[in-house]
């Protein structure tokens, strides 16, 4: 018994149950040169598998959050043990063990999906109309189901064919080679682009990891997997490429929702915190410069404007050289200071002088 035999049976069972559902609804026959009962069976196979992997995906997000939280400690270890790779690796693994974090958890969903996709690859490759009836009944298939799937098409190309199908295989599937290569080529290109966008979406939102192992995993997912698909994707049956592309589209929507609902923590690398509306506040730990006041700081396009706190030059409040110190206790509220009294006295003196001048002018006019 092959080690993946249970996966072959499981994938076949889910695929056949969805096909039975669409056939019962009435999606039989061909429309736009496509057998939608089998195409939708593959699409909803993706939805079923991805729904079962939701707990694993949640663990992946938690692992990434934990790695971001540990980024400052990892960076400190790198600076402390610079040049001592063995000690750095040992201390880093000890930190992971202490915090209960595994940097490879981010690859777990992909690692689980690999057997699923390989099993689907095996089942679709098995769909050859010229097989003996005994082999058609493998993995729970009936002869009618086997023949229907073997001749199922997507825009005229059999789902069991691939870009590299030989002339004999195309003849067995009664397929046109040009049509198969056009459909397969478009799907493979879409699969590669969506695979890259899925990894890029996560990295742009969470940032590059500080840990070398985690950063290597990110680079592998961002660049390594798309490049490998460029080489191997053309050997996949069209049904497998359809499965992978649908999985990528599902991941893009799932990641968008999760990252929007549970945004990444504060960016420890730049020290900026995000506001509830998406704007950015001033860098954490920034100090105001004495004697200088800048323009009001804005919280972002959507955020409310936050006025910068006014700053006062301490030198302007210092007493001048030679000035007589003033006792604040002698100038309570409601009393006038000496300067005020002097000013008031000056005002009275000037008023009396004006009155006397006016009186003298009046006497001279009367005389």
Protein backbone atom coordinates (compact mmCIF):
# COMPACT_ATOMS: atom_id res chain seq x y z
CA UNK A 1 0.00 0.00 0.00
CA UNK A 2 1.34 3.40 -0.98
CA UNK A 3 1.90 5.90 1.85
CA UNK A 4 -0.42 8.41 0.12
CA UNK A 5 -3.17 5.86 -0.51
CA UNK A 6 -5.47 7.39 2.17
CA UNK A 7 -5.10 10.79 0.48
CA UNK A 8 -6.07 9.27 -2.90
CA UNK A 9 -9.26 7.88 -1.39
CA UNK A 10 -10.03 11.08 0.54
CA UNK A 11 -9.56 13.40 -2.44
CA UNK A 12 -11.60 11.11 -4.68
CA UNK A 13 -14.43 10.92 -2.14
CA UNK A 14 -14.69 14.73 -1.74
CA UNK A 15 -14.43 15.28 -5.51
CA UNK A 16 -17.14 12.71 -6.28
CA UNK A 17 -19.52 14.04 -3.60
CA UNK A 18 -19.34 17.55 -5.03
CA UNK A 19 -19.83 16.16 -8.55
CA UNK A 20 -22.92 14.27 -7.37
CA UNK A 21 -24.31 17.49 -5.90
CA UNK A 22 -23.87 19.53 -9.09
CA UNK A 23 -25.24 16.68 -11.19
CA UNK A 24 -28.31 16.50 -8.94
CA UNK A 25 -28.86 20.25 -9.32
CA UNK A 26 -28.76 19.82 -13.09
CA UNK A 27 -25.34 21.18 -14.08
CA UNK A 28 -24.74 18.43 -16.61
CA UNK A 29 -23.77 18.63 -20.23
CA UNK A 30 -21.43 21.25 -21.69
CA UNK A 31 -21.68 25.04 -21.71
CA UNK A 32 -18.95 27.27 -23.20
CA UNK A 33 -17.15 24.05 -24.07
CA UNK A 34 -16.87 23.35 -20.32
CA UNK A 35 -18.26 20.54 -18.14
CA UNK A 36 -19.16 22.68 -15.14
CA UNK A 37 -20.14 19.76 -12.91
CA UNK A 38 -16.52 18.53 -12.85
CA UNK A 39 -14.91 22.00 -12.91
CA UNK A 40 -17.04 23.16 -9.95
CA UNK A 41 -16.28 19.88 -8.17
CA UNK A 42 -12.57 20.77 -8.30
CA UNK A 43 -13.25 24.39 -7.20
CA UNK A 44 -15.32 23.28 -4.20
CA UNK A 45 -12.73 20.66 -3.37
CA UNK A 46 -10.46 23.66 -2.72
CA UNK A 47 -13.08 25.31 -0.49
CA UNK A 48 -13.50 22.08 1.49
CA UNK A 49 -9.78 21.56 2.02
CA UNK A 50 -9.18 25.22 2.91
CA UNK A 51 -12.04 25.17 5.41
CA UNK A 52 -10.47 22.15 7.09
CA UNK A 53 -7.13 24.00 7.23
CA UNK A 54 -8.50 27.12 8.96
CA UNK A 55 -7.14 26.03 12.41
CA UNK A 56 -3.71 25.49 10.84
CA UNK A 57 -3.86 28.91 9.22
CA UNK A 58 -4.71 30.49 12.58
CA UNK A 59 -1.62 28.83 14.07
CA UNK A 60 0.43 30.22 11.19
CA UNK A 61 -0.76 33.77 11.94
CA UNK A 62 -0.05 33.34 15.66
CA UNK A 63 3.44 32.09 14.86
CA UNK A 64 4.13 35.11 12.66
CA UNK A 65 2.88 37.47 15.39
CA UNK A 66 5.13 35.74 17.93
CA UNK A 67 8.13 36.09 15.62
CA UNK A 68 7.43 39.81 15.26
CA UNK A 69 7.22 40.14 19.03
CA UNK A 70 10.57 38.41 19.46
CA UNK A 71 12.26 40.44 16.70
CA UNK A 72 14.03 42.88 19.11
CA UNK A 73 15.40 40.02 21.22
CA UNK A 74 16.59 38.15 18.14
CA UNK A 75 18.32 41.28 16.87
CA UNK A 76 20.01 41.74 20.24
CA UNK A 77 21.29 38.15 20.09
CA UNK A 78 22.64 38.74 16.59
CA UNK A 79 24.59 41.78 17.77
CA UNK A 80 25.80 40.00 20.89
CA UNK A 81 27.04 36.86 19.11
CA UNK A 82 28.15 38.46 15.87
CA UNK A 83 30.67 36.17 14.22
CA UNK A 84 29.76 33.17 16.43
CA UNK A 85 27.18 31.38 14.30
CA UNK A 86 26.98 28.27 16.47
CA UNK A 87 26.31 30.19 19.69
CA UNK A 88 23.81 32.43 17.94
CA UNK A 89 21.88 29.46 16.62
CA UNK A 90 21.87 27.77 20.04
CA UNK A 91 20.71 30.91 21.84
CA UNK A 92 18.04 31.56 19.22
CA UNK A 93 16.67 28.02 19.49
CA UNK A 94 16.63 28.40 23.27
CA UNK A 95 14.64 31.62 22.92
CA UNK A 96 12.14 29.88 20.63
CA UNK A 97 11.80 26.99 23.09
CA UNK A 98 11.32 29.36 26.03
CA UNK A 99 8.63 31.37 24.22
CA UNK A 100 6.97 28.31 22.66
CA UNK A 101 7.49 29.56 19.09
CA UNK A 102 8.41 27.62 15.96
CA UNK A 103 9.70 29.68 12.98
CA UNK A 104 8.78 26.87 10.58
CA UNK A 105 5.11 27.06 11.54
CA UNK A 106 4.61 29.59 8.74
CA UNK A 107 5.19 26.82 6.17
CA UNK A 108 2.77 24.37 7.79
CA UNK A 109 -0.28 25.11 5.58
CA UNK A 110 1.81 24.65 2.44
CA UNK A 111 3.40 21.49 3.84
CA UNK A 112 -0.05 20.02 4.46
CA UNK A 113 -1.39 21.00 1.04
CA UNK A 114 1.48 19.34 -0.82
CA UNK A 115 0.14 15.78 -0.23
CA UNK A 116 -3.35 16.98 -1.16
CA UNK A 117 -2.20 18.46 -4.47
CA UNK A 118 -0.02 15.46 -5.23
CA UNK A 119 -2.99 13.17 -4.57
CA UNK A 120 -5.17 15.21 -6.93
CA UNK A 121 -2.34 15.10 -9.48
CA UNK A 122 -2.25 11.31 -9.17
CA UNK A 123 -6.04 10.94 -9.46
CA UNK A 124 -6.31 13.20 -12.53
CA UNK A 125 -3.32 11.56 -14.18
CA UNK A 126 -5.10 8.28 -13.60
CA UNK A 127 -8.04 9.46 -15.79
CA UNK A 128 -7.22 7.71 -19.05
CA UNK A 129 -10.25 6.52 -21.05
CA UNK A 130 -8.28 3.53 -22.40
CA UNK A 131 -7.71 2.01 -18.97
CA UNK A 132 -9.12 -1.37 -18.08
CA UNK A 133 -12.46 -1.28 -16.29
CA UNK A 134 -10.91 -2.81 -13.17
CA UNK A 135 -8.50 0.10 -12.77
CA UNK A 136 -11.29 2.60 -13.41
CA UNK A 137 -12.94 1.49 -10.17
CA UNK A 138 -9.98 2.47 -8.02
CA UNK A 139 -10.44 4.92 -5.11
CA UNK A 140 -14.24 4.53 -5.07
CA UNK A 141 -14.94 5.58 -8.67
CA UNK A 142 -17.58 3.96 -10.84
CA UNK A 143 -16.94 3.35 -14.54
CA UNK A 144 -19.46 6.06 -15.50
CA UNK A 145 -17.84 8.59 -13.17
CA UNK A 146 -14.39 7.69 -14.45
CA UNK A 147 -15.34 8.09 -18.11
CA UNK A 148 -17.19 11.36 -17.40
CA UNK A 149 -14.19 12.87 -15.61
CA UNK A 150 -11.76 11.61 -18.25
CA UNK A 151 -13.66 13.52 -20.95
CA UNK A 152 -14.46 16.59 -18.83
CA UNK A 153 -13.26 19.81 -20.42
CA UNK A 154 -12.43 23.39 -19.48
CA UNK A 155 -12.93 25.68 -22.49
CA UNK A 156 -12.30 22.73 -24.76
CA UNK A 157 -9.20 21.34 -22.98
CA UNK A 158 -9.51 18.10 -20.94
CA UNK A 159 -8.89 18.63 -17.22
CA UNK A 160 -6.70 15.50 -17.27
CA UNK A 161 -4.38 16.93 -19.98
CA UNK A 162 -1.31 19.09 -19.39
CA UNK A 163 0.80 21.51 -21.41
CA UNK A 164 3.35 18.73 -21.95
CA UNK A 165 0.89 15.99 -22.87
CA UNK A 166 2.25 13.78 -25.60
CA UNK A 167 0.52 13.26 -28.92
CA UNK A 168 -0.60 9.81 -27.78
CA UNK A 169 -2.13 11.19 -24.58
CA UNK A 170 -3.93 13.92 -26.50
CA UNK A 171 -5.24 11.30 -28.92
CA UNK A 172 -6.50 9.14 -26.04
CA UNK A 173 -8.28 12.17 -24.54
CA UNK A 174 -9.59 13.23 -27.97
CA UNK A 175 -8.12 16.70 -27.44
CA UNK A 176 -6.67 19.38 -29.68
CA UNK A 177 -3.04 20.11 -28.77
CA UNK A 178 -3.22 23.86 -29.50
CA UNK A 179 -6.31 24.33 -27.35
CA UNK A 180 -4.72 22.39 -24.50
CA UNK A 181 -1.53 24.46 -24.59
CA UNK A 182 -3.40 27.79 -24.70
CA UNK A 183 -5.67 26.94 -21.76
CA UNK A 184 -2.85 25.31 -19.78
CA UNK A 185 -0.45 28.19 -20.47
CA UNK A 186 -2.93 30.84 -19.28
CA UNK A 187 -3.74 28.85 -16.15
CA UNK A 188 -0.07 28.23 -15.32
CA UNK A 189 0.75 31.93 -15.71
CA UNK A 190 -2.21 32.81 -13.46
CA UNK A 191 -1.09 30.22 -10.92
CA UNK A 192 2.45 31.66 -10.77
CA UNK A 193 1.27 35.28 -10.43
CA UNK A 194 -1.29 34.49 -7.72
CA UNK A 195 1.27 32.42 -5.82
CA UNK A 196 3.66 35.38 -5.78
CA UNK A 197 0.90 37.85 -4.81
CA UNK A 198 -0.20 35.64 -1.91
CA UNK A 199 3.27 35.70 -0.33
CA UNK A 200 3.82 39.36 -1.17
CA UNK A 201 0.56 40.38 0.46
CA UNK A 202 1.61 38.83 3.77
CA UNK A 203 5.17 40.23 3.72
CA UNK A 204 4.04 43.77 2.85
CA UNK A 205 1.64 43.74 5.78
CA UNK A 206 3.91 42.12 8.38
CA UNK A 207 7.37 43.13 7.13
CA UNK A 208 10.52 41.05 6.72
CA UNK A 209 11.50 38.93 9.71
CA UNK A 210 14.65 39.72 11.71
CA UNK A 211 15.43 36.05 12.28
CA UNK A 212 17.63 34.64 9.45
CA UNK A 213 15.72 31.34 9.35
CA UNK A 214 12.34 33.02 9.17
CA UNK A 215 13.62 35.49 6.57
CA UNK A 216 14.93 32.62 4.46
CA UNK A 217 11.49 30.99 4.63
CA UNK A 218 9.90 34.25 3.49
CA UNK A 219 12.29 34.53 0.55
CA UNK A 220 11.60 30.90 -0.38
CA UNK A 221 7.86 31.49 -0.39
CA UNK A 222 8.11 34.79 -2.27
CA UNK A 223 10.61 33.84 -4.98
CA UNK A 224 11.47 30.13 -4.75
CA UNK A 225 8.00 28.64 -5.15
CA UNK A 226 6.97 30.80 -8.17
CA UNK A 227 10.26 29.97 -9.91
CA UNK A 228 9.77 26.25 -9.26
CA UNK A 229 6.23 26.47 -10.68
CA UNK A 230 7.62 28.09 -13.80
CA UNK A 231 9.59 24.89 -14.35
CA UNK A 232 7.20 22.21 -13.09
CA UNK A 233 3.79 23.82 -13.57
CA UNK A 234 3.60 22.92 -17.26
CA UNK A 235 3.66 19.22 -16.33
CA UNK A 236 0.62 19.53 -14.06
CA UNK A 237 -2.78 18.43 -15.40
CA UNK A 238 -5.13 21.33 -16.04
CA UNK A 239 -7.29 20.19 -13.12
CA UNK A 240 -4.34 20.49 -10.72
CA UNK A 241 -3.45 23.95 -12.03
CA UNK A 242 -7.08 24.96 -11.60
CA UNK A 243 -6.98 23.65 -8.03
CA UNK A 244 -3.78 25.60 -7.20
CA UNK A 245 -5.02 28.84 -8.80
CA UNK A 246 -8.33 28.62 -6.91
CA UNK A 247 -6.39 27.99 -3.69
CA UNK A 248 -4.30 31.13 -4.26
CA UNK A 249 -7.41 33.25 -4.86
CA UNK A 250 -8.96 31.83 -1.70
CA UNK A 251 -5.77 32.64 0.23
CA UNK A 252 -5.71 36.23 -1.03
CA UNK A 253 -9.25 36.82 0.21
CA UNK A 254 -8.64 35.01 3.50
CA UNK A 255 -5.41 36.90 4.23
CA UNK A 256 -7.00 40.24 3.38
CA UNK A 257 -9.80 39.61 5.88
CA UNK A 258 -7.52 38.29 8.63
CA UNK A 259 -4.93 41.07 8.26
CA UNK A 260 -7.68 43.70 8.24
CA UNK A 261 -9.42 42.27 11.29
CA UNK A 262 -6.22 41.41 13.17
CA UNK A 263 -3.60 43.96 12.03
CA UNK A 264 0.09 43.31 12.75
CA UNK A 265 1.53 44.70 16.01
CA UNK A 266 3.54 47.91 16.23
CA UNK A 267 6.41 48.00 13.82
CA UNK A 268 9.36 47.44 16.11
CA UNK A 269 11.83 48.26 13.38
CA UNK A 270 10.62 51.83 12.69
CA UNK A 271 8.96 52.42 16.05
CA UNK A 272 5.80 53.86 14.52
CA UNK A 273 2.38 52.94 15.79
CA UNK A 274 -0.71 52.82 13.63
CA UNK A 275 -3.81 54.69 14.67
CA UNK A 276 -7.27 53.20 14.50
CA UNK A 277 -7.93 55.04 11.25
CA UNK A 278 -4.74 53.91 9.58
CA UNK A 279 -2.60 57.01 10.12
CA UNK A 280 0.79 57.07 11.83
CA UNK A 281 1.78 58.90 14.96
CA UNK A 282 5.20 60.31 15.69
CA UNK A 283 7.98 57.74 16.18
CA UNK A 284 8.02 56.18 19.60
CA UNK A 285 10.59 57.72 21.94
CA UNK A 286 11.01 60.95 19.96
CA UNK A 287 11.88 64.02 22.08
CA UNK A 288 10.78 67.60 21.57
CA UNK A 289 13.53 70.11 20.85
CA UNK A 290 13.55 72.96 23.37
CA UNK A 291 12.81 76.37 21.94
CA UNK A 292 11.44 75.02 18.67
CA UNK A 293 7.86 74.46 17.74
CA UNK A 294 6.89 72.72 14.51
CA UNK A 295 3.64 72.63 12.54
CA UNK A 296 0.74 70.53 13.81
CA UNK A 297 1.28 66.79 13.31
CA UNK A 298 -1.33 65.07 11.19
CA UNK A 299 -2.58 61.59 12.02
CA UNK A 300 -3.12 60.68 8.37
CA UNK A 301 -5.49 61.33 5.52
CA UNK A 302 -8.40 59.79 7.37
CA UNK A 303 -7.31 60.50 10.91
CA UNK A 304 -8.04 63.60 12.94
CA UNK A 305 -5.38 66.32 13.10
CA UNK A 306 -3.40 66.22 16.31
CA UNK A 307 -2.01 69.58 17.41
CA UNK A 308 1.60 69.52 18.49
CA UNK A 309 2.16 70.48 22.14
CA UNK A 310 3.61 74.03 22.41
CA UNK A 311 7.17 74.21 23.61
CA UNK A 312 8.61 77.04 25.70
CA UNK A 313 12.20 78.20 25.81
CA UNK A 314 13.41 77.90 29.41
CA UNK A 315 16.00 80.61 28.86
CA UNK A 316 13.25 83.19 28.22
CA UNK A 317 11.82 82.54 31.72
CA UNK A 318 15.18 82.87 33.50
CA UNK A 319 15.77 86.15 35.50
CA UNK A 320 17.95 88.77 33.84
CA UNK A 321 21.43 89.51 35.12
CA UNK A 322 21.34 92.19 37.85
CA UNK A 323 17.56 92.10 38.27
CA UNK A 324 16.19 92.18 41.80
CA UNK A 325 14.62 88.85 42.70
CA UNK A 326 10.89 88.92 43.23
CA UNK A 327 9.34 87.01 46.11
CA UNK A 328 6.19 85.37 44.77
CA UNK A 329 4.67 85.30 48.27
CA UNK A 330 4.57 89.10 48.33
CA UNK A 331 2.55 89.31 45.16
CA UNK A 332 -0.59 87.30 45.86
CA UNK A 333 -3.58 87.42 43.60
CA UNK A 334 -5.43 90.74 43.92
CA UNK A 335 -2.34 92.82 44.97
CA UNK A 336 -0.32 95.02 42.69
CA UNK A 337 3.39 94.59 42.29
CA UNK A 338 5.88 97.40 42.82
CA UNK A 339 6.12 97.93 39.11
CA UNK A 340 2.35 98.23 38.91
CA UNK A 341 2.26 100.73 41.79
CA UNK A 342 5.04 102.77 40.21
CA UNK A 343 3.18 102.79 36.91
CA UNK A 344 -0.02 103.82 38.68
CA UNK A 345 1.84 106.62 40.52
CA UNK A 346 3.29 107.89 37.30
CA UNK A 347 -0.19 107.93 35.83
CA UNK A 348 -1.55 109.96 38.77
CA UNK A 349 1.33 112.46 38.57
CA UNK A 350 0.78 113.02 34.89
CA UNK A 351 -2.96 113.45 35.50
CA UNK A 352 -2.34 116.09 38.22
CA UNK A 353 0.06 117.96 35.94
CA UNK A 354 -2.52 118.04 33.20
CA UNK A 355 -5.18 119.35 35.59
CA UNK A 356 -2.84 122.10 36.89
CA UNK A 357 -1.95 123.12 33.33
CA UNK A 358 -5.63 123.30 32.43
CA UNK A 359 -6.35 125.48 35.54
CA UNK A 360 -3.58 127.96 34.72
CA UNK A 361 -4.84 128.27 31.16
CA UNK A 362 -8.35 128.97 32.43
CA UNK A 363 -7.11 131.76 34.83
CA UNK A 364 -5.18 133.48 32.05
CA UNK A 365 -8.19 133.43 29.79
CA UNK A 366 -10.46 134.86 32.51
CA UNK A 367 -7.89 137.58 33.44
